[in-house]
């Protein structure tokens, strides 16, 4: 059986976001701005990043919950079909 050895789309997205954040921070550190302006800008960007991450986490939780509900429904249907088939195979009870 083959194993899935990729990092997946989520891993690529995370690596891209981390790279972009590090690149932006390095660019800001070398930019000709005062310390106060740079700290203010970095704080603002950090808050925006935190808000984006929180939103992505919320969306991820919604997806996981929806898939869990779908899986539970599918499992319940399979169990009901199995029970019905078992009763039918046993035949009428005397």
PDB file of N, CA and C in Angstrom:
ATOM      1  N   UNK A   1       0.852  -1.166   0.000  1.00  0.00           N
ATOM      2  CA  UNK A   1       0.000   0.000   0.000  1.00  0.00           C
ATOM      3  C   UNK A   1       0.902   1.235   0.000  1.00  0.00           C
ATOM      4  N   UNK A   2       0.601   2.180  -0.843  1.00  0.00           N
ATOM      5  CA  UNK A   2       1.413   3.396  -0.947  1.00  0.00           C
ATOM      6  C   UNK A   2       1.101   4.349   0.197  1.00  0.00           C
ATOM      7  N   UNK A   3       2.141   5.040   0.631  1.00  0.00           N
ATOM      8  CA  UNK A   3       1.949   6.030   1.683  1.00  0.00           C
ATOM      9  C   UNK A   3       1.929   7.410   1.060  1.00  0.00           C
ATOM     10  N   UNK A   4       1.105   8.276   1.604  1.00  0.00           N
ATOM     11  CA  UNK A   4       1.051   9.653   1.144  1.00  0.00           C
ATOM     12  C   UNK A   4       2.163  10.413   1.852  1.00  0.00           C
ATOM     13  N   UNK A   5       3.222  10.798   1.105  1.00  0.00           N
ATOM     14  CA  UNK A   5       4.383  11.411   1.726  1.00  0.00           C
ATOM     15  C   UNK A   5       4.514  12.884   1.390  1.00  0.00           C
ATOM     16  N   UNK A   6       3.442  13.557   0.993  1.00  0.00           N
ATOM     17  CA  UNK A   6       3.493  14.989   0.713  1.00  0.00           C
ATOM     18  C   UNK A   6       3.118  15.787   1.947  1.00  0.00           C
ATOM     19  N   UNK A   7       3.456  17.071   1.925  1.00  0.00           N
ATOM     20  CA  UNK A   7       3.081  17.913   3.053  1.00  0.00           C
ATOM     21  C   UNK A   7       1.665  18.443   2.895  1.00  0.00           C
ATOM     22  N   UNK A   8       1.119  18.333   1.718  1.00  0.00           N
ATOM     23  CA  UNK A   8      -0.258  18.731   1.501  1.00  0.00           C
ATOM     24  C   UNK A   8      -0.419  20.229   1.297  1.00  0.00           C
ATOM     25  N   UNK A   9      -1.610  20.609   0.886  1.00  0.00           N
ATOM     26  CA  UNK A   9      -1.903  22.009   0.592  1.00  0.00           C
ATOM     27  C   UNK A   9      -1.815  22.873   1.840  1.00  0.00           C
ATOM     28  N   UNK A  10      -2.267  22.361   2.967  1.00  0.00           N
ATOM     29  CA  UNK A  10      -2.225  23.147   4.205  1.00  0.00           C
ATOM     30  C   UNK A  10      -0.780  23.431   4.603  1.00  0.00           C
ATOM     31  N   UNK A  11       0.091  22.461   4.427  1.00  0.00           N
ATOM     32  CA  UNK A  11       1.503  22.655   4.758  1.00  0.00           C
ATOM     33  C   UNK A  11       2.161  23.676   3.850  1.00  0.00           C
ATOM     34  N   UNK A  12       1.825  23.620   2.567  1.00  0.00           N
ATOM     35  CA  UNK A  12       2.376  24.587   1.616  1.00  0.00           C
ATOM     36  C   UNK A  12       1.885  25.990   1.957  1.00  0.00           C
ATOM     37  N   UNK A  13       0.606  26.114   2.264  1.00  0.00           N
ATOM     38  CA  UNK A  13       0.039  27.415   2.620  1.00  0.00           C
ATOM     39  C   UNK A  13       0.699  27.960   3.882  1.00  0.00           C
ATOM     40  N   UNK A  14       0.879  27.117   4.866  1.00  0.00           N
ATOM     41  CA  UNK A  14       1.520  27.542   6.110  1.00  0.00           C
ATOM     42  C   UNK A  14       2.957  27.988   5.855  1.00  0.00           C
ATOM     43  N   UNK A  15       3.704  27.222   5.058  1.00  0.00           N
ATOM     44  CA  UNK A  15       5.088  27.589   4.746  1.00  0.00           C
ATOM     45  C   UNK A  15       5.133  28.919   4.000  1.00  0.00           C
ATOM     46  N   UNK A  16       4.206  29.124   3.079  1.00  0.00           N
ATOM     47  CA  UNK A  16       4.153  30.391   2.350  1.00  0.00           C
ATOM     48  C   UNK A  16       3.889  31.559   3.293  1.00  0.00           C
ATOM     49  N   UNK A  17       2.918  31.377   4.199  1.00  0.00           N
ATOM     50  CA  UNK A  17       2.571  32.460   5.128  1.00  0.00           C
ATOM     51  C   UNK A  17       3.732  32.776   6.059  1.00  0.00           C
ATOM     52  N   UNK A  18       4.420  31.754   6.550  1.00  0.00           N
ATOM     53  CA  UNK A  18       5.562  31.981   7.432  1.00  0.00           C
ATOM     54  C   UNK A  18       6.664  32.699   6.671  1.00  0.00           C
ATOM     55  N   UNK A  19       6.927  32.271   5.449  1.00  0.00           N
ATOM     56  CA  UNK A  19       7.955  32.921   4.631  1.00  0.00           C
ATOM     57  C   UNK A  19       7.620  34.369   4.345  1.00  0.00           C
ATOM     58  N   UNK A  20       6.364  34.633   4.026  1.00  0.00           N
ATOM     59  CA  UNK A  20       5.950  36.017   3.751  1.00  0.00           C
ATOM     60  C   UNK A  20       6.088  36.878   4.998  1.00  0.00           C
ATOM     61  N   UNK A  21       5.733  36.337   6.150  1.00  0.00           N
ATOM     62  CA  UNK A  21       5.839  37.087   7.403  1.00  0.00           C
ATOM     63  C   UNK A  21       7.291  37.393   7.732  1.00  0.00           C
ATOM     64  N   UNK A  22       8.158  36.414   7.604  1.00  0.00           N
ATOM     65  CA  UNK A  22       9.583  36.631   7.885  1.00  0.00           C
ATOM     66  C   UNK A  22      10.163  37.634   6.903  1.00  0.00           C
ATOM     67  N   UNK A  23       9.805  37.505   5.642  1.00  0.00           N
ATOM     68  CA  UNK A  23      10.297  38.452   4.630  1.00  0.00           C
ATOM     69  C   UNK A  23       9.847  39.876   4.913  1.00  0.00           C
ATOM     70  N   UNK A  24       8.597  40.021   5.301  1.00  0.00           N
ATOM     71  CA  UNK A  24       8.084  41.357   5.622  1.00  0.00           C
ATOM     72  C   UNK A  24       8.789  41.932   6.850  1.00  0.00           C
ATOM     73  N   UNK A  25       9.031  41.097   7.843  1.00  0.00           N
ATOM     74  CA  UNK A  25       9.715  41.580   9.056  1.00  0.00           C
ATOM     75  C   UNK A  25      11.138  42.023   8.738  1.00  0.00           C
ATOM     76  N   UNK A  26      11.853  41.251   7.936  1.00  0.00           N
ATOM     77  CA  UNK A  26      13.223  41.624   7.564  1.00  0.00           C
ATOM     78  C   UNK A  26      13.214  42.910   6.755  1.00  0.00           C
ATOM     79  N   UNK A  27      12.282  43.048   5.832  1.00  0.00           N
ATOM     80  CA  UNK A  27      12.199  44.264   5.025  1.00  0.00           C
ATOM     81  C   UNK A  27      11.941  45.476   5.903  1.00  0.00           C
ATOM     82  N   UNK A  28      11.081  45.314   6.893  1.00  0.00           N
ATOM     83  CA  UNK A  28      10.775  46.435   7.781  1.00  0.00           C
ATOM     84  C   UNK A  28      11.976  46.828   8.640  1.00  0.00           C
ATOM     85  N   UNK A  29      12.733  45.846   9.044  1.00  0.00           N
ATOM     86  CA  UNK A  29      13.886  46.141   9.888  1.00  0.00           C
ATOM     87  C   UNK A  29      14.950  46.942   9.128  1.00  0.00           C
ATOM     88  N   UNK A  30      15.000  46.788   7.830  1.00  0.00           N
ATOM     89  CA  UNK A  30      15.964  47.516   7.026  1.00  0.00           C
ATOM     90  C   UNK A  30      15.367  48.761   6.373  1.00  0.00           C
ATOM     91  N   UNK A  31      14.100  49.029   6.590  1.00  0.00           N
ATOM     92  CA  UNK A  31      13.435  50.193   5.990  1.00  0.00           C
ATOM     93  C   UNK A  31      13.831  51.471   6.733  1.00  0.00           C
ATOM     94  N   UNK A  32      13.907  52.572   6.005  1.00  0.00           N
ATOM     95  CA  UNK A  32      14.274  53.848   6.650  1.00  0.00           C
ATOM     96  C   UNK A  32      13.072  54.498   7.343  1.00  0.00           C
ATOM     97  N   UNK A  33      12.740  54.009   8.517  1.00  0.00           N
ATOM     98  CA  UNK A  33      11.642  54.585   9.304  1.00  0.00           C
ATOM     99  C   UNK A  33      12.115  54.684  10.749  1.00  0.00           C
ATOM    100  N   UNK A  34      11.454  55.517  11.509  1.00  0.00           N
ATOM    101  CA  UNK A  34      11.833  55.645  12.919  1.00  0.00           C
ATOM    102  C   UNK A  34      11.440  54.386  13.669  1.00  0.00           C
ATOM    103  N   UNK A  35      12.027  54.204  14.818  1.00  0.00           N
ATOM    104  CA  UNK A  35      11.726  53.029  15.635  1.00  0.00           C
ATOM    105  C   UNK A  35      10.272  52.977  16.035  1.00  0.00           C
ATOM    106  N   UNK A  36       9.713  54.119  16.413  1.00  0.00           N
ATOM    107  CA  UNK A  36       8.299  54.151  16.821  1.00  0.00           C
ATOM    108  C   UNK A  36       7.386  53.757  15.665  1.00  0.00           C
ATOM    109  N   UNK A  37       7.670  54.303  14.477  1.00  0.00           N
ATOM    110  CA  UNK A  37       6.838  53.979  13.313  1.00  0.00           C
ATOM    111  C   UNK A  37       6.939  52.494  12.978  1.00  0.00           C
ATOM    112  N   UNK A  38       8.144  51.976  13.037  1.00  0.00           N
ATOM    113  CA  UNK A  38       8.342  50.568  12.720  1.00  0.00           C
ATOM    114  C   UNK A  38       7.638  49.680  13.735  1.00  0.00           C
ATOM    115  N   UNK A  39       7.762  49.979  15.010  1.00  0.00           N
ATOM    116  CA  UNK A  39       7.086  49.185  16.043  1.00  0.00           C
ATOM    117  C   UNK A  39       5.574  49.261  15.891  1.00  0.00           C
ATOM    118  N   UNK A  40       5.071  50.452  15.580  1.00  0.00           N
ATOM    119  CA  UNK A  40       3.625  50.606  15.388  1.00  0.00           C
ATOM    120  C   UNK A  40       3.158  49.767  14.200  1.00  0.00           C
ATOM    121  N   UNK A  41       3.904  49.832  13.118  1.00  0.00           N
ATOM    122  CA  UNK A  41       3.542  49.074  11.920  1.00  0.00           C
ATOM    123  C   UNK A  41       3.609  47.572  12.197  1.00  0.00           C
ATOM    124  N   UNK A  42       4.676  47.140  12.860  1.00  0.00           N
ATOM    125  CA  UNK A  42       4.805  45.713  13.169  1.00  0.00           C
ATOM    126  C   UNK A  42       3.682  45.239  14.088  1.00  0.00           C
ATOM    127  N   UNK A  43       3.317  46.055  15.060  1.00  0.00           N
ATOM    128  CA  UNK A  43       2.214  45.700  15.950  1.00  0.00           C
ATOM    129  C   UNK A  43       0.902  45.574  15.196  1.00  0.00           C
ATOM    130  N   UNK A  44       0.668  46.507  14.296  1.00  0.00           N
ATOM    131  CA  UNK A  44      -0.561  46.477  13.497  1.00  0.00           C
ATOM    132  C   UNK A  44      -0.596  45.216  12.631  1.00  0.00           C
ATOM    133  N   UNK A  45       0.522  44.933  11.975  1.00  0.00           N
ATOM    134  CA  UNK A  45       0.572  43.752  11.115  1.00  0.00           C
ATOM    135  C   UNK A  45       0.440  42.462  11.935  1.00  0.00           C
ATOM    136  N   UNK A  46       1.006  42.449  13.124  1.00  0.00           N
ATOM    137  CA  UNK A  46       0.890  41.268  13.978  1.00  0.00           C
ATOM    138  C   UNK A  46      -0.566  41.045  14.389  1.00  0.00           C
ATOM    139  N   UNK A  47      -1.265  42.126  14.721  1.00  0.00           N
ATOM    140  CA  UNK A  47      -2.686  41.990  15.078  1.00  0.00           C
ATOM    141  C   UNK A  47      -3.496  41.498  13.882  1.00  0.00           C
ATOM    142  N   UNK A  48      -3.204  42.034  12.699  1.00  0.00           N
ATOM    143  CA  UNK A  48      -3.917  41.584  11.496  1.00  0.00           C
ATOM    144  C   UNK A  48      -3.643  40.110  11.237  1.00  0.00           C
ATOM    145  N   UNK A  49      -2.391  39.714  11.394  1.00  0.00           N
ATOM    146  CA  UNK A  49      -2.041  38.306  11.198  1.00  0.00           C
ATOM    147  C   UNK A  49      -2.745  37.409  12.201  1.00  0.00           C
ATOM    148  N   UNK A  50      -2.797  37.850  13.465  1.00  0.00           N
ATOM    149  CA  UNK A  50      -3.487  37.081  14.499  1.00  0.00           C
ATOM    150  C   UNK A  50      -4.964  36.932  14.153  1.00  0.00           C
ATOM    151  N   UNK A  51      -5.570  38.009  13.674  1.00  0.00           N
ATOM    152  CA  UNK A  51      -6.983  37.953  13.305  1.00  0.00           C
ATOM    153  C   UNK A  51      -7.213  36.983  12.150  1.00  0.00           C
ATOM    154  N   UNK A  52      -6.306  37.009  11.170  1.00  0.00           N
ATOM    155  CA  UNK A  52      -6.439  36.082  10.030  1.00  0.00           C
ATOM    156  C   UNK A  52      -6.286  34.641  10.485  1.00  0.00           C
ATOM    157  N   UNK A  53      -5.315  34.387  11.344  1.00  0.00           N
ATOM    158  CA  UNK A  53      -5.101  33.025  11.841  1.00  0.00           C
ATOM    159  C   UNK A  53      -6.313  32.568  12.645  1.00  0.00           C
ATOM    160  N   UNK A  54      -6.868  33.440  13.473  1.00  0.00           N
ATOM    161  CA  UNK A  54      -8.066  33.072  14.238  1.00  0.00           C
ATOM    162  C   UNK A  54      -9.227  32.737  13.320  1.00  0.00           C
ATOM    163  N   UNK A  55      -9.391  33.505  12.249  1.00  0.00           N
ATOM    164  CA  UNK A  55     -10.467  33.240  11.293  1.00  0.00           C
ATOM    165  C   UNK A  55     -10.243  31.908  10.579  1.00  0.00           C
ATOM    166  N   UNK A  56      -9.007  31.642  10.185  1.00  0.00           N
ATOM    167  CA  UNK A  56      -8.709  30.355   9.534  1.00  0.00           C
ATOM    168  C   UNK A  56      -8.957  29.200  10.490  1.00  0.00           C
ATOM    169  N   UNK A  57      -8.592  29.369  11.745  1.00  0.00           N
ATOM    170  CA  UNK A  57      -8.819  28.315  12.742  1.00  0.00           C
ATOM    171  C   UNK A  57     -10.319  28.080  12.922  1.00  0.00           C
ATOM    172  N   UNK A  58     -11.101  29.161  12.958  1.00  0.00           N
ATOM    173  CA  UNK A  58     -12.554  29.026  13.087  1.00  0.00           C
ATOM    174  C   UNK A  58     -13.121  28.261  11.901  1.00  0.00           C
ATOM    175  N   UNK A  59     -12.667  28.621  10.692  1.00  0.00           N
ATOM    176  CA  UNK A  59     -13.152  27.934   9.501  1.00  0.00           C
ATOM    177  C   UNK A  59     -12.735  26.460   9.521  1.00  0.00           C
ATOM    178  N   UNK A  60     -11.522  26.205   9.980  1.00  0.00           N
ATOM    179  CA  UNK A  60     -11.056  24.822  10.074  1.00  0.00           C
ATOM    180  C   UNK A  60     -11.896  24.010  11.038  1.00  0.00           C
ATOM    181  N   UNK A  61     -12.236  24.613  12.176  1.00  0.00           N
ATOM    182  CA  UNK A  61     -13.085  23.913  13.146  1.00  0.00           C
ATOM    183  C   UNK A  61     -14.459  23.620  12.547  1.00  0.00           C
ATOM    184  N   UNK A  62     -14.998  24.572  11.786  1.00  0.00           N
ATOM    185  CA  UNK A  62     -16.302  24.349  11.151  1.00  0.00           C
ATOM    186  C   UNK A  62     -16.235  23.182  10.172  1.00  0.00           C
ATOM    187  N   UNK A  63     -15.166  23.120   9.398  1.00  0.00           N
ATOM    188  CA  UNK A  63     -15.013  22.033   8.427  1.00  0.00           C
ATOM    189  C   UNK A  63     -14.891  20.700   9.145  1.00  0.00           C
ATOM    190  N   UNK A  64     -14.090  20.657  10.198  1.00  0.00           N
ATOM    191  CA  UNK A  64     -13.910  19.410  10.953  1.00  0.00           C
ATOM    192  C   UNK A  64     -15.241  18.975  11.564  1.00  0.00           C
ATOM    193  N   UNK A  65     -15.980  19.904  12.140  1.00  0.00           N
ATOM    194  CA  UNK A  65     -17.274  19.560  12.741  1.00  0.00           C
ATOM    195  C   UNK A  65     -18.252  19.044  11.689  1.00  0.00           C
ATOM    196  N   UNK A  66     -18.269  19.673  10.529  1.00  0.00           N
ATOM    197  CA  UNK A  66     -19.170  19.240   9.461  1.00  0.00           C
ATOM    198  C   UNK A  66     -18.799  17.832   8.993  1.00  0.00           C
ATOM    199  N   UNK A  67     -17.511  17.590   8.815  1.00  0.00           N
ATOM    200  CA  UNK A  67     -17.082  16.266   8.371  1.00  0.00           C
ATOM    201  C   UNK A  67     -17.364  15.208   9.445  1.00  0.00           C
ATOM    202  N   UNK A  68     -17.191  15.583  10.708  1.00  0.00           N
ATOM    203  CA  UNK A  68     -17.496  14.645  11.789  1.00  0.00           C
ATOM    204  C   UNK A  68     -18.984  14.288  11.752  1.00  0.00           C
ATOM    205  N   UNK A  69     -19.846  15.287  11.543  1.00  0.00           N
ATOM    206  CA  UNK A  69     -21.284  15.032  11.456  1.00  0.00           C
ATOM    207  C   UNK A  69     -21.603  14.128  10.265  1.00  0.00           C
ATOM    208  N   UNK A  70     -20.952  14.388   9.114  1.00  0.00           N
ATOM    209  CA  UNK A  70     -21.175  13.554   7.937  1.00  0.00           C
ATOM    210  C   UNK A  70     -20.743  12.115   8.201  1.00  0.00           C
ATOM    211  N   UNK A  71     -19.613  11.947   8.855  1.00  0.00           N
ATOM    212  CA  UNK A  71     -19.111  10.613   9.159  1.00  0.00           C
ATOM    213  C   UNK A  71     -20.032   9.901  10.142  1.00  0.00           C
ATOM    214  N   UNK A  72     -20.507  10.619  11.136  1.00  0.00           N
ATOM    215  CA  UNK A  72     -21.425  10.027  12.112  1.00  0.00           C
ATOM    216  C   UNK A  72     -22.709   9.574  11.429  1.00  0.00           C
ATOM    217  N   UNK A  73     -23.244  10.397  10.548  1.00  0.00           N
ATOM    218  CA  UNK A  73     -24.463  10.048   9.815  1.00  0.00           C
ATOM    219  C   UNK A  73     -24.233   8.815   8.951  1.00  0.00           C
ATOM    220  N   UNK A  74     -23.103   8.782   8.246  1.00  0.00           N
ATOM    221  CA  UNK A  74     -22.798   7.637   7.398  1.00  0.00           C
ATOM    222  C   UNK A  74     -22.646   6.367   8.240  1.00  0.00           C
ATOM    223  N   UNK A  75     -21.983   6.471   9.385  1.00  0.00           N
ATOM    224  CA  UNK A  75     -21.812   5.319  10.270  1.00  0.00           C
ATOM    225  C   UNK A  75     -23.160   4.821  10.783  1.00  0.00           C
ATOM    226  N   UNK A  76     -24.023   5.754  11.179  1.00  0.00           N
ATOM    227  CA  UNK A  76     -25.352   5.364  11.671  1.00  0.00           C
ATOM    228  C   UNK A  76     -26.156   4.661  10.582  1.00  0.00           C
ATOM    229  N   UNK A  77     -26.091   5.158   9.358  1.00  0.00           N
ATOM    230  CA  UNK A  77     -26.818   4.520   8.248  1.00  0.00           C
ATOM    231  C   UNK A  77     -26.280   3.124   7.980  1.00  0.00           C
ATOM    232  N   UNK A  78     -24.950   2.988   7.996  1.00  0.00           N
ATOM    233  CA  UNK A  78     -24.350   1.676   7.761  1.00  0.00           C
ATOM    234  C   UNK A  78     -24.749   0.701   8.855  1.00  0.00           C
ATOM    235  N   UNK A  79     -24.765   1.150  10.104  1.00  0.00           N
ATOM    236  CA  UNK A  79     -25.159   0.295  11.222  1.00  0.00           C
ATOM    237  C   UNK A  79     -26.623  -0.138  11.068  1.00  0.00           C
ATOM    238  N   UNK A  80     -27.494   0.808  10.683  1.00  0.00           N
ATOM    239  CA  UNK A  80     -28.903   0.478  10.504  1.00  0.00           C
ATOM    240  C   UNK A  80     -29.083  -0.541   9.376  1.00  0.00           C
ATOM    241  N   UNK A  81     -28.351  -0.365   8.278  1.00  0.00           N
ATOM    242  CA  UNK A  81     -28.452  -1.311   7.165  1.00  0.00           C
ATOM    243  C   UNK A  81     -27.932  -2.685   7.579  1.00  0.00           C
ATOM    244  N   UNK A  82     -26.841  -2.702   8.330  1.00  0.00           N
ATOM    245  CA  UNK A  82     -26.312  -3.981   8.803  1.00  0.00           C
ATOM    246  C   UNK A  82     -27.317  -4.687   9.701  1.00  0.00           C
ATOM    247  N   UNK A  83     -27.906  -3.938  10.626  1.00  0.00           N
ATOM    248  CA  UNK A  83     -28.896  -4.531  11.528  1.00  0.00           C
ATOM    249  C   UNK A  83     -30.100  -5.052  10.753  1.00  0.00           C
ATOM    250  N   UNK A  84     -30.556  -4.293   9.762  1.00  0.00           N
ATOM    251  CA  UNK A  84     -31.702  -4.739   8.960  1.00  0.00           C
ATOM    252  C   UNK A  84     -31.349  -6.001   8.182  1.00  0.00           C
ATOM    253  N   UNK A  85     -30.150  -6.048   7.606  1.00  0.00           N
ATOM    254  CA  UNK A  85     -29.732  -7.226   6.843  1.00  0.00           C
ATOM    255  C   UNK A  85     -29.585  -8.428   7.763  1.00  0.00           C
ATOM    256  N   UNK A  86     -29.107  -8.211   8.972  1.00  0.00           N
ATOM    257  CA  UNK A  86     -28.951  -9.306   9.937  1.00  0.00           C
ATOM    258  C   UNK A  86     -30.317  -9.860  10.332  1.00  0.00           C
ATOM    259  N   UNK A  87     -31.267  -8.959  10.579  1.00  0.00           N
ATOM    260  CA  UNK A  87     -32.620  -9.413  10.925  1.00  0.00           C
ATOM    261  C   UNK A  87     -33.250 -10.171   9.756  1.00  0.00           C
ATOM    262  N   UNK A  88     -33.036  -9.689   8.539  1.00  0.00           N
ATOM    263  CA  UNK A  88     -33.617 -10.317   7.364  1.00  0.00           C
ATOM    264  C   UNK A  88     -32.990 -11.694   7.132  1.00  0.00           C
ATOM    265  N   UNK A  89     -31.692 -11.802   7.349  1.00  0.00           N
ATOM    266  CA  UNK A  89     -31.001 -13.079   7.160  1.00  0.00           C
ATOM    267  C   UNK A  89     -31.447 -14.098   8.210  1.00  0.00           C
ATOM    268  N   UNK A  90     -31.778 -13.658   9.405  1.00  0.00           N
ATOM    269  CA  UNK A  90     -32.208 -14.560  10.460  1.00  0.00           C
ATOM    270  C   UNK A  90     -33.580 -15.141  10.168  1.00  0.00           C
ATOM    271  N   UNK A  91     -34.337 -14.466   9.316  1.00  0.00           N
ATOM    272  CA  UNK A  91     -35.657 -14.943   8.954  1.00  0.00           C
ATOM    273  C   UNK A  91     -36.687 -14.644  10.026  1.00  0.00           C
ATOM    274  N   UNK A  92     -37.933 -15.041   9.768  1.00  0.00           N
ATOM    275  CA  UNK A  92     -38.998 -14.791  10.754  1.00  0.00           C
ATOM    276  C   UNK A  92     -38.763 -15.627  12.010  1.00  0.00           C
ATOM    277  N   UNK A  93     -39.015 -15.025  13.106  1.00  0.00           N
ATOM    278  CA  UNK A  93     -38.811 -15.715  14.377  1.00  0.00           C
ATOM    279  C   UNK A  93     -40.055 -16.545  14.693  1.00  0.00           C
ATOM    280  N   UNK A  94     -39.839 -17.721  15.219  1.00  0.00           N
ATOM    281  CA  UNK A  94     -40.936 -18.655  15.478  1.00  0.00           C
ATOM    282  C   UNK A  94     -41.738 -18.297  16.659  1.00  0.00           C
TER     283      UNK A  94
END
